[in-house]
Amino acid sequence: MCAQLIIAFSDFFTNKLQKICEAIDATLKSCMLQYFRDRGYDGQPLADLQAVTAGDVANILATMPAKSSPLDVMPTSLLKQCADVFSPVIARLANLSFAQGLFPQRYNLA
């Protein structure tokens, strides 16, 4: 009986914290979408971008602070620790984006 009460008590607070996290996440996403939806780019178009190398990306990752946002799927510290694996991939994505003039919508939150 006592073990069941302890489990019920634990489940109550676990569920409560999960609901709070989900509410915060939903609010952040809503605010971010509204903020960025209304902003347009009114500068000069980019006519030519130089290719990004894996070394360029590795240098940027090395100088980044190890802070993460709740919107990040992966902690920055992991990205920095595995820069040798991620740098070529990020460089390829950046170069494809530059060449095609497109940026995937799913990566449009910052």
Protein backbone atom coordinates (compact mmCIF):
# COMPACT_ATOMS: atom_id res chain seq x y z
CA MET A 1 0.00 0.00 0.00
CA CYS A 2 2.77 2.41 0.94
CA ALA A 3 4.69 1.66 -2.28
CA GLN A 4 1.58 2.41 -4.33
CA LEU A 5 1.18 5.78 -2.62
CA ILE A 6 4.80 6.63 -3.27
CA ILE A 7 4.43 5.70 -6.95
CA ALA A 8 1.19 7.71 -7.28
CA PHE A 9 2.84 10.70 -5.59
CA SER A 10 5.86 10.44 -7.90
CA ASP A 11 3.66 10.06 -10.99
CA PHE A 12 1.62 13.12 -10.00
CA PHE A 13 4.68 15.37 -9.87
CA THR A 14 6.30 13.82 -12.93
CA ASN A 15 3.13 14.44 -14.95
CA LYS A 16 2.78 17.96 -13.55
CA LEU A 17 6.35 18.84 -14.57
CA GLN A 18 5.82 17.32 -18.01
CA LYS A 19 2.68 19.44 -18.53
CA ILE A 20 4.54 22.58 -17.43
CA CYS A 21 7.39 21.81 -19.86
CA GLU A 22 4.93 21.21 -22.70
CA ALA A 23 3.10 24.49 -21.94
CA ILE A 24 6.38 26.44 -21.89
CA ASP A 25 7.50 24.80 -25.13
CA ALA A 26 4.19 25.57 -26.87
CA THR A 27 4.28 29.19 -25.69
CA LEU A 28 7.88 29.66 -26.86
CA LYS A 29 7.13 28.17 -30.26
CA SER A 30 4.03 30.32 -30.67
CA CYS A 31 5.88 33.51 -29.71
CA MET A 32 8.83 32.70 -31.98
CA LEU A 33 6.63 31.88 -34.96
CA GLN A 34 4.68 35.11 -34.57
CA TYR A 35 7.83 37.19 -34.15
CA PHE A 36 9.63 35.79 -37.20
CA ARG A 37 6.55 35.48 -39.43
CA ASP A 38 6.11 39.26 -39.46
CA ARG A 39 9.72 40.06 -40.25
CA GLY A 40 10.86 40.23 -43.84
CA TYR A 41 14.29 40.82 -45.32
CA ASP A 42 14.51 44.18 -47.07
CA GLY A 43 18.26 44.32 -47.74
CA GLN A 44 20.23 43.78 -50.92
CA PRO A 45 19.94 40.28 -52.40
CA LEU A 46 22.96 38.06 -51.93
CA ALA A 47 24.39 37.51 -55.38
CA ASP A 48 27.38 35.32 -54.56
CA LEU A 49 28.36 33.35 -51.47
CA GLN A 50 31.63 31.54 -51.05
CA ALA A 51 31.48 27.85 -50.26
CA VAL A 52 31.74 26.92 -46.61
CA THR A 53 34.36 24.35 -45.65
CA ALA A 54 34.24 21.81 -42.85
CA GLY A 55 37.17 23.71 -41.34
CA ASP A 56 35.15 26.93 -41.32
CA VAL A 57 32.32 25.17 -39.50
CA ALA A 58 34.72 23.50 -37.03
CA ASN A 59 36.24 26.90 -36.20
CA ILE A 60 32.80 28.40 -35.57
CA LEU A 61 31.77 25.44 -33.40
CA ALA A 62 34.99 25.74 -31.39
CA THR A 63 34.29 29.38 -30.54
CA MET A 64 30.60 28.92 -29.69
CA PRO A 65 29.61 29.07 -26.03
CA ALA A 66 28.29 25.74 -24.77
CA LYS A 67 24.81 27.16 -24.10
CA SER A 68 21.66 25.49 -25.35
CA SER A 69 18.11 26.67 -25.96
CA PRO A 70 14.99 24.70 -25.07
CA LEU A 71 14.28 24.67 -28.82
CA ASP A 72 17.56 22.87 -29.57
CA VAL A 73 17.16 19.22 -30.44
CA MET A 74 20.78 18.54 -29.55
CA PRO A 75 22.82 20.14 -26.75
CA THR A 76 25.50 22.52 -28.00
CA SER A 77 28.08 20.74 -25.86
CA LEU A 78 27.49 17.51 -27.84
CA LEU A 79 27.72 19.38 -31.14
CA LYS A 80 31.05 20.88 -30.03
CA GLN A 81 32.41 17.54 -28.81
CA CYS A 82 31.53 15.84 -32.10
CA ALA A 83 32.57 18.72 -34.38
CA ASP A 84 34.71 16.39 -36.52
CA VAL A 85 31.56 14.42 -37.42
CA PHE A 86 29.11 17.32 -37.72
CA SER A 87 31.30 19.92 -39.46
CA PRO A 88 31.27 18.27 -42.92
CA VAL A 89 27.50 17.70 -42.69
CA ILE A 90 26.76 21.28 -41.64
CA ALA A 91 29.07 22.63 -44.34
CA ARG A 92 27.30 20.52 -46.98
CA LEU A 93 23.87 21.71 -45.82
CA ALA A 94 25.02 25.34 -45.87
CA ASN A 95 26.52 25.00 -49.36
CA LEU A 96 23.39 23.30 -50.71
CA SER A 97 21.27 26.06 -49.21
CA PHE A 98 23.48 28.75 -50.77
CA ALA A 99 23.53 27.03 -54.18
CA GLN A 100 19.77 26.50 -54.30
CA GLY A 101 18.83 29.77 -52.63
CA LEU A 102 16.60 27.88 -50.20
CA PHE A 103 16.60 27.37 -46.46
CA PRO A 104 14.57 24.41 -45.13
CA GLN A 105 11.52 25.65 -43.24
CA ARG A 106 12.06 23.11 -40.47
CA TYR A 107 15.37 24.83 -39.56
CA ASN A 108 13.90 28.33 -39.65
CA LEU A 109 13.57 28.72 -35.86
CA ALA A 110 16.54 30.09 -34.02
